[in-house]
Every structure is written in structure tokens, then in C-alpha cells.
């Protein structure tokens, strides 16, 4: 009880502990600390969603995401990056697509390059490389690396050559 009171006094400390335990692989402890926070902030929710995603628990991350939505918090691009990453790690393609679309439709947030990178990674992980290649965004070095790596894993030499040719044409930007 005393520990809970101390954590509650410092939501920032609790958020840091959630993040630390998740990164160390102790997701159960991270969830326990998160559950003890009474006045959860957007950072609290983002920390647990990100932690669950890193540990491959995409479904649990989605559950927490929907709990957060019910709390009525105003979302930002960082929490969407975390949930898209969680969907990618767990191979939850349709759920990731819905969250990606919801950013604009429901939350009126702009999708940045970091969100497109998550979607490209999600699609590539699911073997949907051509769909990932056709995402309507100016790709950066990270995105090209994800695409080429996916082509390599899938053995799609033709598409890998297309990606490399395109990168050469635009000057490797």
C-alpha cells in the first residue's frame, strides 16, 4: 500500500518504471505498476502500449489502447506510433490498418513518416511487400531499408531491384 502511494505521488516515476520493466522483459511487473497508477496520463498509456508491443503482445496492447480510448484521452502521434508498432510485432495487419486510418478519420491527426514506416514494416512482415511499396509517402532511408530487407526475406529479387533502382534514381535520399 505504501509503495502504491509513493508511485501515485509521482506518475512520472511510475511511467519510467513501466518503461524500464517492459524494456527489461518483465512485462508482468510493468503491467502491475501501470495498473497501480490512478491518474494515468497519455504517457502512462503510451508506455504500457509500447512495452506490450515490444514484448510481442499486440493483442494486449490493443486492449490497453481501447481502454485508453474509453477513458477519453486526447491522443497524439506517439501513441499511434506505439500501437502501429505493436500491431507490426504481432502481425496484426487489419488491426494496424484500422488504427492507421483512425488517426485521420477519428482523431484528426496527420500521419507522419514514422507512422508510414510502421505500416510498411507491418505490411512487409505480413508478406505484403508490393502493398508496402505502394504506400503514398515519400520514403526515407529507414523505410527503404525495411523494404529491401523484406524483399530479401521473401526472396522477391525483382521488387528488391525496383526499390534499389528507385533509390538510385532519387539519389539515395
N, C-alpha and C. Protein backbone atom coordinates (compact mmCIF):
# COMPACT_ATOMS: atom_id res chain seq x y z
N UNK A 1 0.82 -1.19 0.00
CA UNK A 1 0.00 0.00 0.00
C UNK A 1 0.86 1.25 0.00
N UNK A 2 1.91 1.27 0.85
CA UNK A 2 2.81 2.41 0.91
C UNK A 2 3.48 2.63 -0.45
N UNK A 3 3.88 1.54 -1.09
CA UNK A 3 4.50 1.62 -2.41
C UNK A 3 3.55 2.25 -3.41
N UNK A 4 2.28 1.86 -3.38
CA UNK A 4 1.28 2.43 -4.29
C UNK A 4 1.12 3.92 -4.07
N UNK A 5 1.15 4.33 -2.83
CA UNK A 5 1.01 5.76 -2.52
C UNK A 5 2.21 6.53 -3.06
N UNK A 6 3.41 5.97 -2.94
CA UNK A 6 4.60 6.64 -3.45
C UNK A 6 4.55 6.74 -4.96
N UNK A 7 4.13 5.66 -5.63
CA UNK A 7 4.03 5.69 -7.08
C UNK A 7 3.00 6.72 -7.54
N UNK A 8 1.91 6.78 -6.82
CA UNK A 8 0.86 7.71 -7.20
C UNK A 8 1.33 9.15 -7.07
N UNK A 9 2.21 9.42 -6.11
CA UNK A 9 2.72 10.77 -5.94
C UNK A 9 3.55 11.20 -7.14
N UNK A 10 4.12 10.26 -7.83
CA UNK A 10 4.95 10.59 -8.98
C UNK A 10 4.58 9.71 -10.17
N UNK A 11 3.63 10.18 -10.93
CA UNK A 11 3.23 9.45 -12.13
C UNK A 11 4.42 9.32 -13.08
N UNK A 12 5.26 10.34 -13.11
CA UNK A 12 6.45 10.29 -13.98
C UNK A 12 7.36 9.13 -13.59
N UNK A 13 7.55 8.95 -12.30
CA UNK A 13 8.38 7.84 -11.82
C UNK A 13 7.72 6.51 -12.19
N UNK A 14 6.44 6.40 -12.00
CA UNK A 14 5.72 5.17 -12.34
C UNK A 14 5.83 4.89 -13.84
N UNK A 15 5.69 5.92 -14.66
CA UNK A 15 5.83 5.74 -16.11
C UNK A 15 7.22 5.24 -16.46
N UNK A 16 8.23 5.80 -15.81
CA UNK A 16 9.61 5.36 -16.06
C UNK A 16 9.80 3.90 -15.65
N UNK A 17 9.19 3.51 -14.54
CA UNK A 17 9.29 2.11 -14.09
C UNK A 17 8.57 1.16 -15.04
N UNK A 18 7.42 1.58 -15.54
CA UNK A 18 6.70 0.77 -16.53
C UNK A 18 7.60 0.55 -17.75
N UNK A 19 8.18 1.64 -18.24
CA UNK A 19 9.05 1.57 -19.41
C UNK A 19 10.27 0.69 -19.15
N UNK A 20 10.91 0.88 -18.00
CA UNK A 20 12.11 0.11 -17.66
C UNK A 20 11.81 -1.39 -17.57
N UNK A 21 10.74 -1.73 -16.85
CA UNK A 21 10.42 -3.16 -16.70
C UNK A 21 10.05 -3.79 -18.05
N UNK A 22 9.34 -3.04 -18.86
CA UNK A 22 8.98 -3.57 -20.19
C UNK A 22 10.22 -3.80 -21.03
N UNK A 23 11.13 -2.83 -21.03
CA UNK A 23 12.36 -2.97 -21.82
C UNK A 23 13.25 -4.09 -21.32
N UNK A 24 13.16 -4.39 -20.03
CA UNK A 24 13.95 -5.48 -19.45
C UNK A 24 13.26 -6.84 -19.62
N UNK A 25 12.08 -6.85 -20.23
CA UNK A 25 11.38 -8.10 -20.48
C UNK A 25 10.45 -8.53 -19.37
N UNK A 26 10.30 -7.72 -18.33
CA UNK A 26 9.41 -8.07 -17.22
C UNK A 26 8.07 -7.36 -17.41
N UNK A 27 7.35 -7.77 -18.43
CA UNK A 27 6.10 -7.10 -18.80
C UNK A 27 5.03 -7.26 -17.73
N UNK A 28 5.04 -8.37 -17.00
CA UNK A 28 4.06 -8.55 -15.93
C UNK A 28 4.24 -7.49 -14.85
N UNK A 29 5.48 -7.20 -14.49
CA UNK A 29 5.76 -6.16 -13.50
C UNK A 29 5.38 -4.79 -14.05
N UNK A 30 5.65 -4.56 -15.33
CA UNK A 30 5.28 -3.29 -15.96
C UNK A 30 3.76 -3.11 -15.90
N UNK A 31 3.02 -4.16 -16.19
CA UNK A 31 1.55 -4.09 -16.14
C UNK A 31 1.06 -3.86 -14.71
N UNK A 32 1.71 -4.51 -13.77
CA UNK A 32 1.32 -4.35 -12.36
C UNK A 32 1.49 -2.90 -11.93
N UNK A 33 2.63 -2.31 -12.26
CA UNK A 33 2.87 -0.91 -11.90
C UNK A 33 1.88 -0.01 -12.62
N UNK A 34 1.66 -0.26 -13.89
CA UNK A 34 0.70 0.54 -14.66
C UNK A 34 -0.69 0.50 -14.01
N UNK A 35 -1.11 -0.69 -13.62
CA UNK A 35 -2.44 -0.85 -13.02
C UNK A 35 -2.58 -0.12 -11.69
N UNK A 36 -1.45 0.12 -11.01
CA UNK A 36 -1.47 0.83 -9.73
C UNK A 36 -1.57 2.34 -9.90
N UNK A 37 -1.30 2.85 -11.09
CA UNK A 37 -1.37 4.30 -11.32
C UNK A 37 -2.84 4.69 -11.39
N UNK A 38 -3.24 5.60 -10.53
CA UNK A 38 -4.65 6.01 -10.50
C UNK A 38 -4.95 7.09 -11.53
N UNK A 39 -4.09 8.07 -11.66
CA UNK A 39 -4.31 9.17 -12.59
C UNK A 39 -3.40 9.00 -13.80
N UNK A 40 -3.77 8.03 -14.64
CA UNK A 40 -2.95 7.71 -15.80
C UNK A 40 -2.96 8.87 -16.80
N UNK A 41 -1.78 9.16 -17.31
CA UNK A 41 -1.63 10.19 -18.33
C UNK A 41 -1.48 9.52 -19.70
N UNK A 42 -1.44 10.33 -20.74
CA UNK A 42 -1.20 9.78 -22.07
C UNK A 42 0.16 9.08 -22.12
N UNK A 43 1.13 9.61 -21.38
CA UNK A 43 2.45 8.98 -21.32
C UNK A 43 2.35 7.61 -20.65
N UNK A 44 1.53 7.49 -19.61
CA UNK A 44 1.34 6.19 -18.94
C UNK A 44 0.81 5.16 -19.93
N UNK A 45 -0.23 5.54 -20.64
CA UNK A 45 -0.85 4.62 -21.61
C UNK A 45 0.13 4.28 -22.73
N UNK A 46 0.82 5.28 -23.24
CA UNK A 46 1.77 5.05 -24.32
C UNK A 46 2.88 4.11 -23.87
N UNK A 47 3.34 4.29 -22.63
CA UNK A 47 4.42 3.44 -22.10
C UNK A 47 4.01 1.97 -22.05
N UNK A 48 2.80 1.70 -21.57
CA UNK A 48 2.39 0.29 -21.47
C UNK A 48 2.08 -0.29 -22.84
N UNK A 49 1.48 0.50 -23.72
CA UNK A 49 1.20 0.02 -25.08
C UNK A 49 2.50 -0.30 -25.80
N UNK A 50 3.46 0.61 -25.69
CA UNK A 50 4.76 0.39 -26.32
C UNK A 50 5.45 -0.84 -25.73
N UNK A 51 5.42 -0.96 -24.41
CA UNK A 51 6.06 -2.10 -23.74
C UNK A 51 5.44 -3.42 -24.15
N UNK A 52 4.13 -3.47 -24.19
CA UNK A 52 3.45 -4.70 -24.61
C UNK A 52 3.82 -5.04 -26.06
N UNK A 53 3.87 -4.01 -26.90
CA UNK A 53 4.23 -4.23 -28.30
C UNK A 53 5.64 -4.77 -28.45
N UNK A 54 6.58 -4.21 -27.68
CA UNK A 54 7.98 -4.67 -27.74
C UNK A 54 8.09 -6.14 -27.34
N UNK A 55 7.21 -6.58 -26.46
CA UNK A 55 7.25 -7.96 -26.00
C UNK A 55 6.39 -8.89 -26.86
N UNK A 56 5.91 -8.38 -27.99
CA UNK A 56 5.14 -9.19 -28.93
C UNK A 56 3.71 -9.45 -28.49
N UNK A 57 3.22 -8.67 -27.54
CA UNK A 57 1.86 -8.85 -27.03
C UNK A 57 0.93 -7.80 -27.66
N UNK A 58 0.79 -7.90 -28.97
CA UNK A 58 0.00 -6.93 -29.73
C UNK A 58 -1.46 -6.90 -29.33
N UNK A 59 -2.03 -8.06 -29.05
CA UNK A 59 -3.45 -8.10 -28.67
C UNK A 59 -3.63 -7.38 -27.33
N UNK A 60 -2.75 -7.63 -26.39
CA UNK A 60 -2.83 -6.94 -25.10
C UNK A 60 -2.62 -5.43 -25.27
N UNK A 61 -1.73 -5.05 -26.18
CA UNK A 61 -1.52 -3.62 -26.47
C UNK A 61 -2.80 -3.00 -27.03
N UNK A 62 -3.47 -3.73 -27.91
CA UNK A 62 -4.74 -3.23 -28.46
C UNK A 62 -5.81 -3.10 -27.38
N UNK A 63 -5.85 -4.06 -26.46
CA UNK A 63 -6.81 -3.99 -25.35
C UNK A 63 -6.57 -2.71 -24.54
N UNK A 64 -5.30 -2.45 -24.22
CA UNK A 64 -4.96 -1.23 -23.47
C UNK A 64 -5.29 0.01 -24.29
N UNK A 65 -5.05 -0.03 -25.58
CA UNK A 65 -5.35 1.10 -26.46
C UNK A 65 -6.85 1.42 -26.41
N UNK A 66 -7.67 0.39 -26.50
CA UNK A 66 -9.12 0.62 -26.48
C UNK A 66 -9.60 1.05 -25.09
N UNK A 67 -8.94 0.57 -24.04
CA UNK A 67 -9.25 1.06 -22.69
C UNK A 67 -8.94 2.55 -22.61
N UNK A 68 -7.81 2.95 -23.17
CA UNK A 68 -7.42 4.36 -23.17
C UNK A 68 -8.44 5.20 -23.92
N UNK A 69 -8.91 4.69 -25.05
CA UNK A 69 -9.93 5.42 -25.81
C UNK A 69 -11.19 5.63 -24.97
N UNK A 70 -11.58 4.61 -24.23
CA UNK A 70 -12.77 4.74 -23.37
C UNK A 70 -12.57 5.77 -22.27
N UNK A 71 -11.32 5.98 -21.87
CA UNK A 71 -11.01 7.00 -20.85
C UNK A 71 -11.18 8.41 -21.41
N UNK A 72 -11.23 8.53 -22.73
CA UNK A 72 -11.48 9.83 -23.36
C UNK A 72 -10.26 10.72 -23.49
N UNK A 73 -9.07 10.16 -23.41
CA UNK A 73 -7.86 10.98 -23.55
C UNK A 73 -7.69 11.46 -25.00
N UNK A 74 -7.14 12.65 -25.16
CA UNK A 74 -6.82 13.17 -26.48
C UNK A 74 -5.52 12.51 -26.92
N UNK A 75 -5.57 11.79 -28.03
CA UNK A 75 -4.42 11.02 -28.48
C UNK A 75 -3.46 11.87 -29.28
N UNK A 76 -2.22 11.38 -29.40
CA UNK A 76 -1.22 12.06 -30.21
C UNK A 76 -0.55 11.05 -31.14
N UNK A 77 0.34 11.54 -31.98
CA UNK A 77 1.01 10.68 -32.94
C UNK A 77 1.90 9.64 -32.31
N UNK A 78 2.42 9.92 -31.11
CA UNK A 78 3.32 8.96 -30.45
C UNK A 78 2.58 7.71 -30.03
N UNK A 79 1.39 7.86 -29.48
CA UNK A 79 0.64 6.68 -29.07
C UNK A 79 0.24 5.86 -30.31
N UNK A 80 -0.03 6.54 -31.42
CA UNK A 80 -0.35 5.80 -32.64
C UNK A 80 0.87 5.08 -33.18
N UNK A 81 2.03 5.69 -33.07
CA UNK A 81 3.25 5.00 -33.48
C UNK A 81 3.46 3.75 -32.63
N UNK A 82 3.17 3.85 -31.34
CA UNK A 82 3.33 2.70 -30.44
C UNK A 82 2.36 1.58 -30.79
N UNK A 83 1.11 1.92 -31.05
CA UNK A 83 0.13 0.87 -31.35
C UNK A 83 0.38 0.26 -32.73
N UNK A 84 0.82 1.07 -33.69
CA UNK A 84 1.15 0.53 -35.01
C UNK A 84 2.36 -0.40 -34.92
N UNK A 85 3.33 -0.02 -34.12
CA UNK A 85 4.49 -0.87 -33.91
C UNK A 85 4.10 -2.18 -33.23
N UNK A 86 3.21 -2.09 -32.25
CA UNK A 86 2.72 -3.30 -31.56
C UNK A 86 2.01 -4.22 -32.54
N UNK A 87 1.19 -3.64 -33.40
CA UNK A 87 0.49 -4.45 -34.41
C UNK A 87 1.50 -5.10 -35.35
N UNK A 88 2.54 -4.37 -35.71
CA UNK A 88 3.57 -4.92 -36.59
C UNK A 88 4.29 -6.10 -35.94
N UNK A 89 4.71 -5.93 -34.68
CA UNK A 89 5.42 -7.01 -33.98
C UNK A 89 4.57 -8.26 -33.85
N UNK A 90 3.25 -8.09 -33.78
CA UNK A 90 2.35 -9.23 -33.59
C UNK A 90 1.71 -9.71 -34.89
N UNK A 91 2.00 -9.03 -36.00
CA UNK A 91 1.42 -9.44 -37.28
C UNK A 91 -0.08 -9.16 -37.39
N UNK A 92 -0.55 -8.13 -36.71
CA UNK A 92 -1.98 -7.80 -36.70
C UNK A 92 -2.27 -6.77 -37.79
N UNK A 93 -2.32 -7.24 -39.04
CA UNK A 93 -2.41 -6.36 -40.20
C UNK A 93 -3.71 -5.55 -40.21
N UNK A 94 -4.84 -6.22 -40.12
CA UNK A 94 -6.12 -5.50 -40.20
C UNK A 94 -6.29 -4.51 -39.05
N UNK A 95 -5.88 -4.91 -37.86
CA UNK A 95 -5.98 -4.02 -36.71
C UNK A 95 -5.09 -2.79 -36.91
N UNK A 96 -3.89 -3.03 -37.44
CA UNK A 96 -2.97 -1.92 -37.72
C UNK A 96 -3.55 -0.97 -38.76
N UNK A 97 -4.14 -1.53 -39.79
CA UNK A 97 -4.77 -0.68 -40.83
C UNK A 97 -5.88 0.18 -40.22
N UNK A 98 -6.69 -0.44 -39.37
CA UNK A 98 -7.79 0.31 -38.75
C UNK A 98 -7.26 1.44 -37.88
N UNK A 99 -6.23 1.17 -37.10
CA UNK A 99 -5.65 2.21 -36.25
C UNK A 99 -5.04 3.32 -37.11
N UNK A 100 -4.35 2.93 -38.17
CA UNK A 100 -3.72 3.90 -39.07
C UNK A 100 -4.79 4.83 -39.68
N UNK A 101 -5.86 4.24 -40.17
CA UNK A 101 -6.95 5.03 -40.76
C UNK A 101 -7.65 5.89 -39.71
N UNK A 102 -7.76 5.38 -38.50
CA UNK A 102 -8.44 6.08 -37.42
C UNK A 102 -7.72 7.37 -37.03
N UNK A 103 -6.41 7.40 -37.24
CA UNK A 103 -5.65 8.61 -36.91
C UNK A 103 -6.27 9.84 -37.56
N UNK A 104 -6.57 9.71 -38.85
CA UNK A 104 -7.10 10.84 -39.61
C UNK A 104 -8.61 10.96 -39.41
N UNK A 105 -9.32 9.86 -39.62
CA UNK A 105 -10.79 9.89 -39.59
C UNK A 105 -11.36 10.27 -38.23
N UNK A 106 -10.86 9.63 -37.18
CA UNK A 106 -11.47 9.78 -35.85
C UNK A 106 -10.74 10.77 -34.95
N UNK A 107 -9.43 10.92 -35.16
CA UNK A 107 -8.64 11.72 -34.22
C UNK A 107 -8.02 12.95 -34.87
N UNK A 108 -8.22 13.09 -36.17
CA UNK A 108 -7.78 14.28 -36.92
C UNK A 108 -6.29 14.57 -36.73
N UNK A 109 -5.51 13.50 -36.77
CA UNK A 109 -4.06 13.61 -36.66
C UNK A 109 -3.43 13.32 -38.01
N UNK A 110 -2.36 14.02 -38.29
CA UNK A 110 -1.64 13.81 -39.54
C UNK A 110 -0.75 12.58 -39.41
N UNK A 111 -0.74 11.77 -40.44
CA UNK A 111 0.13 10.60 -40.46
C UNK A 111 1.51 11.04 -40.94
N UNK A 112 2.50 10.87 -40.08
CA UNK A 112 3.86 11.25 -40.42
C UNK A 112 4.64 10.09 -40.98
N UNK A 113 5.85 10.37 -41.39
CA UNK A 113 6.72 9.34 -41.94
C UNK A 113 6.88 8.17 -40.98
N UNK A 114 6.97 8.48 -39.66
CA UNK A 114 7.16 7.41 -38.68
C UNK A 114 5.97 6.45 -38.66
N UNK A 115 4.77 6.95 -38.95
CA UNK A 115 3.58 6.08 -38.98
C UNK A 115 3.59 5.23 -40.25
N UNK A 116 4.02 5.84 -41.36
CA UNK A 116 4.13 5.08 -42.60
C UNK A 116 5.21 4.01 -42.50
N UNK A 117 6.31 4.31 -41.82
CA UNK A 117 7.36 3.30 -41.62
C UNK A 117 6.78 2.12 -40.85
N UNK A 118 5.99 2.40 -39.81
CA UNK A 118 5.35 1.30 -39.05
C UNK A 118 4.44 0.48 -39.96
N UNK A 119 3.67 1.17 -40.80
CA UNK A 119 2.77 0.45 -41.71
C UNK A 119 3.55 -0.37 -42.73
N UNK A 120 4.61 0.20 -43.27
CA UNK A 120 5.44 -0.54 -44.22
C UNK A 120 6.02 -1.78 -43.54
N UNK A 121 6.51 -1.61 -42.33
CA UNK A 121 7.06 -2.75 -41.58
C UNK A 121 5.98 -3.80 -41.34
N UNK A 122 4.79 -3.36 -40.94
CA UNK A 122 3.67 -4.27 -40.71
C UNK A 122 3.32 -5.04 -41.97
N UNK A 123 3.19 -4.33 -43.08
CA UNK A 123 2.84 -4.99 -44.35
C UNK A 123 3.94 -5.93 -44.81
N UNK A 124 5.19 -5.50 -44.69
CA UNK A 124 6.31 -6.35 -45.10
C UNK A 124 6.39 -7.61 -44.24
N UNK A 125 6.19 -7.45 -42.93
CA UNK A 125 6.23 -8.60 -42.03
C UNK A 125 5.16 -9.62 -42.42
N UNK A 126 4.02 -9.11 -42.91
CA UNK A 126 2.92 -9.99 -43.31
C UNK A 126 3.11 -10.51 -44.74
N UNK A 127 4.23 -10.15 -45.38
CA UNK A 127 4.48 -10.62 -46.74
C UNK A 127 3.79 -9.80 -47.81
N UNK A 128 3.26 -8.64 -47.45
CA UNK A 128 2.54 -7.77 -48.39
C UNK A 128 3.47 -6.66 -48.89
N UNK A 129 4.60 -7.09 -49.47
CA UNK A 129 5.65 -6.15 -49.85
C UNK A 129 5.20 -5.19 -50.93
N UNK A 130 4.50 -5.69 -51.93
CA UNK A 130 4.05 -4.80 -53.02
C UNK A 130 3.12 -3.72 -52.50
N UNK A 131 2.23 -4.08 -51.59
CA UNK A 131 1.34 -3.09 -50.99
C UNK A 131 2.15 -2.07 -50.18
N UNK A 132 3.15 -2.54 -49.48
CA UNK A 132 4.00 -1.63 -48.71
C UNK A 132 4.74 -0.67 -49.63
N UNK A 133 5.24 -1.20 -50.74
CA UNK A 133 5.98 -0.39 -51.71
C UNK A 133 5.10 0.71 -52.31
N UNK A 134 3.80 0.48 -52.35
CA UNK A 134 2.87 1.43 -52.96
C UNK A 134 2.27 2.42 -51.96
N UNK A 135 2.74 2.43 -50.72
CA UNK A 135 2.23 3.39 -49.73
C UNK A 135 2.49 4.81 -50.25
N UNK A 136 1.50 5.69 -50.13
CA UNK A 136 1.64 7.04 -50.70
C UNK A 136 2.42 7.99 -49.77
N UNK A 137 3.71 7.79 -49.71
CA UNK A 137 4.54 8.63 -48.84
C UNK A 137 5.94 8.73 -49.44
N UNK A 138 6.59 9.83 -49.19
CA UNK A 138 7.98 9.97 -49.59
C UNK A 138 8.81 9.18 -48.59
N UNK A 139 9.45 8.16 -49.09
CA UNK A 139 10.20 7.25 -48.22
C UNK A 139 11.52 7.87 -47.77
N UNK A 140 11.93 7.49 -46.59
CA UNK A 140 13.24 7.89 -46.08
C UNK A 140 14.14 6.65 -46.05
N UNK A 141 15.35 6.82 -45.58
CA UNK A 141 16.33 5.72 -45.58
C UNK A 141 15.84 4.53 -44.77
N UNK A 142 15.17 4.79 -43.65
CA UNK A 142 14.68 3.70 -42.81
C UNK A 142 13.64 2.88 -43.57
N UNK A 143 12.73 3.58 -44.25
CA UNK A 143 11.69 2.86 -44.99
C UNK A 143 12.28 2.03 -46.12
N UNK A 144 13.26 2.59 -46.83
CA UNK A 144 13.89 1.83 -47.91
C UNK A 144 14.58 0.60 -47.36
N UNK A 145 15.23 0.75 -46.22
CA UNK A 145 15.91 -0.39 -45.59
C UNK A 145 14.90 -1.48 -45.24
N UNK A 146 13.74 -1.09 -44.68
CA UNK A 146 12.70 -2.05 -44.33
C UNK A 146 12.21 -2.78 -45.58
N UNK A 147 12.00 -2.02 -46.66
CA UNK A 147 11.52 -2.63 -47.90
C UNK A 147 12.54 -3.60 -48.50
N UNK A 148 13.78 -3.18 -48.58
CA UNK A 148 14.81 -4.06 -49.16
C UNK A 148 14.98 -5.31 -48.31
N UNK A 149 15.00 -5.13 -46.97
CA UNK A 149 15.13 -6.30 -46.08
C UNK A 149 13.96 -7.28 -46.28
N UNK A 150 12.75 -6.73 -46.42
CA UNK A 150 11.58 -7.59 -46.62
C UNK A 150 11.67 -8.32 -47.96
N UNK A 151 12.12 -7.62 -48.99
CA UNK A 151 12.29 -8.27 -50.29
C UNK A 151 13.28 -9.41 -50.18
N UNK A 152 14.35 -9.17 -49.45
CA UNK A 152 15.38 -10.20 -49.25
C UNK A 152 14.79 -11.40 -48.53
N UNK A 153 14.05 -11.15 -47.43
CA UNK A 153 13.45 -12.26 -46.67
C UNK A 153 12.46 -13.05 -47.49
N UNK A 154 11.69 -12.35 -48.32
CA UNK A 154 10.67 -13.01 -49.13
C UNK A 154 11.24 -13.59 -50.42
N UNK A 155 12.48 -13.27 -50.73
CA UNK A 155 13.09 -13.77 -51.96
C UNK A 155 12.56 -13.08 -53.21
N UNK A 156 12.04 -11.86 -53.07
CA UNK A 156 11.48 -11.13 -54.21
C UNK A 156 12.57 -10.23 -54.79
N UNK A 157 13.42 -10.82 -55.61
CA UNK A 157 14.56 -10.11 -56.18
C UNK A 157 14.11 -9.01 -57.13
N UNK A 158 13.05 -9.26 -57.90
CA UNK A 158 12.57 -8.24 -58.84
C UNK A 158 12.15 -6.97 -58.12
N UNK A 159 11.38 -7.12 -57.04
CA UNK A 159 10.93 -5.95 -56.30
C UNK A 159 12.11 -5.27 -55.59
N UNK A 160 13.03 -6.07 -55.08
CA UNK A 160 14.24 -5.50 -54.45
C UNK A 160 15.01 -4.67 -55.47
N UNK A 161 15.13 -5.16 -56.68
CA UNK A 161 15.82 -4.41 -57.74
C UNK A 161 15.06 -3.12 -58.06
N UNK A 162 13.73 -3.17 -58.06
CA UNK A 162 12.93 -1.97 -58.28
C UNK A 162 13.21 -0.94 -57.20
N UNK A 163 13.23 -1.38 -55.97
CA UNK A 163 13.47 -0.48 -54.84
C UNK A 163 14.85 0.14 -54.98
N UNK A 164 15.86 -0.68 -55.23
CA UNK A 164 17.23 -0.18 -55.35
C UNK A 164 17.34 0.78 -56.53
N UNK A 165 16.72 0.44 -57.66
CA UNK A 165 16.76 1.32 -58.84
C UNK A 165 16.10 2.66 -58.51
N UNK A 166 14.97 2.62 -57.82
CA UNK A 166 14.27 3.85 -57.48
C UNK A 166 15.11 4.71 -56.54
N UNK A 167 15.74 4.09 -55.56
CA UNK A 167 16.59 4.82 -54.62
C UNK A 167 17.75 5.47 -55.37
N UNK A 168 18.35 4.73 -56.32
CA UNK A 168 19.44 5.29 -57.13
C UNK A 168 18.96 6.50 -57.94
N UNK A 169 17.74 6.39 -58.49
CA UNK A 169 17.19 7.47 -59.32
C UNK A 169 16.96 8.75 -58.51
N UNK A 170 16.54 8.60 -57.26
CA UNK A 170 16.27 9.80 -56.46
C UNK A 170 17.51 10.26 -55.69
N UNK A 171 18.60 9.57 -55.91
CA UNK A 171 19.85 9.99 -55.26
C UNK A 171 20.05 9.47 -53.86
N UNK A 172 19.35 8.39 -53.51
CA UNK A 172 19.55 7.77 -52.20
C UNK A 172 19.01 8.57 -51.04
N UNK A 173 18.09 9.45 -51.32
CA UNK A 173 17.51 10.29 -50.24
C UNK A 173 16.61 9.52 -49.33
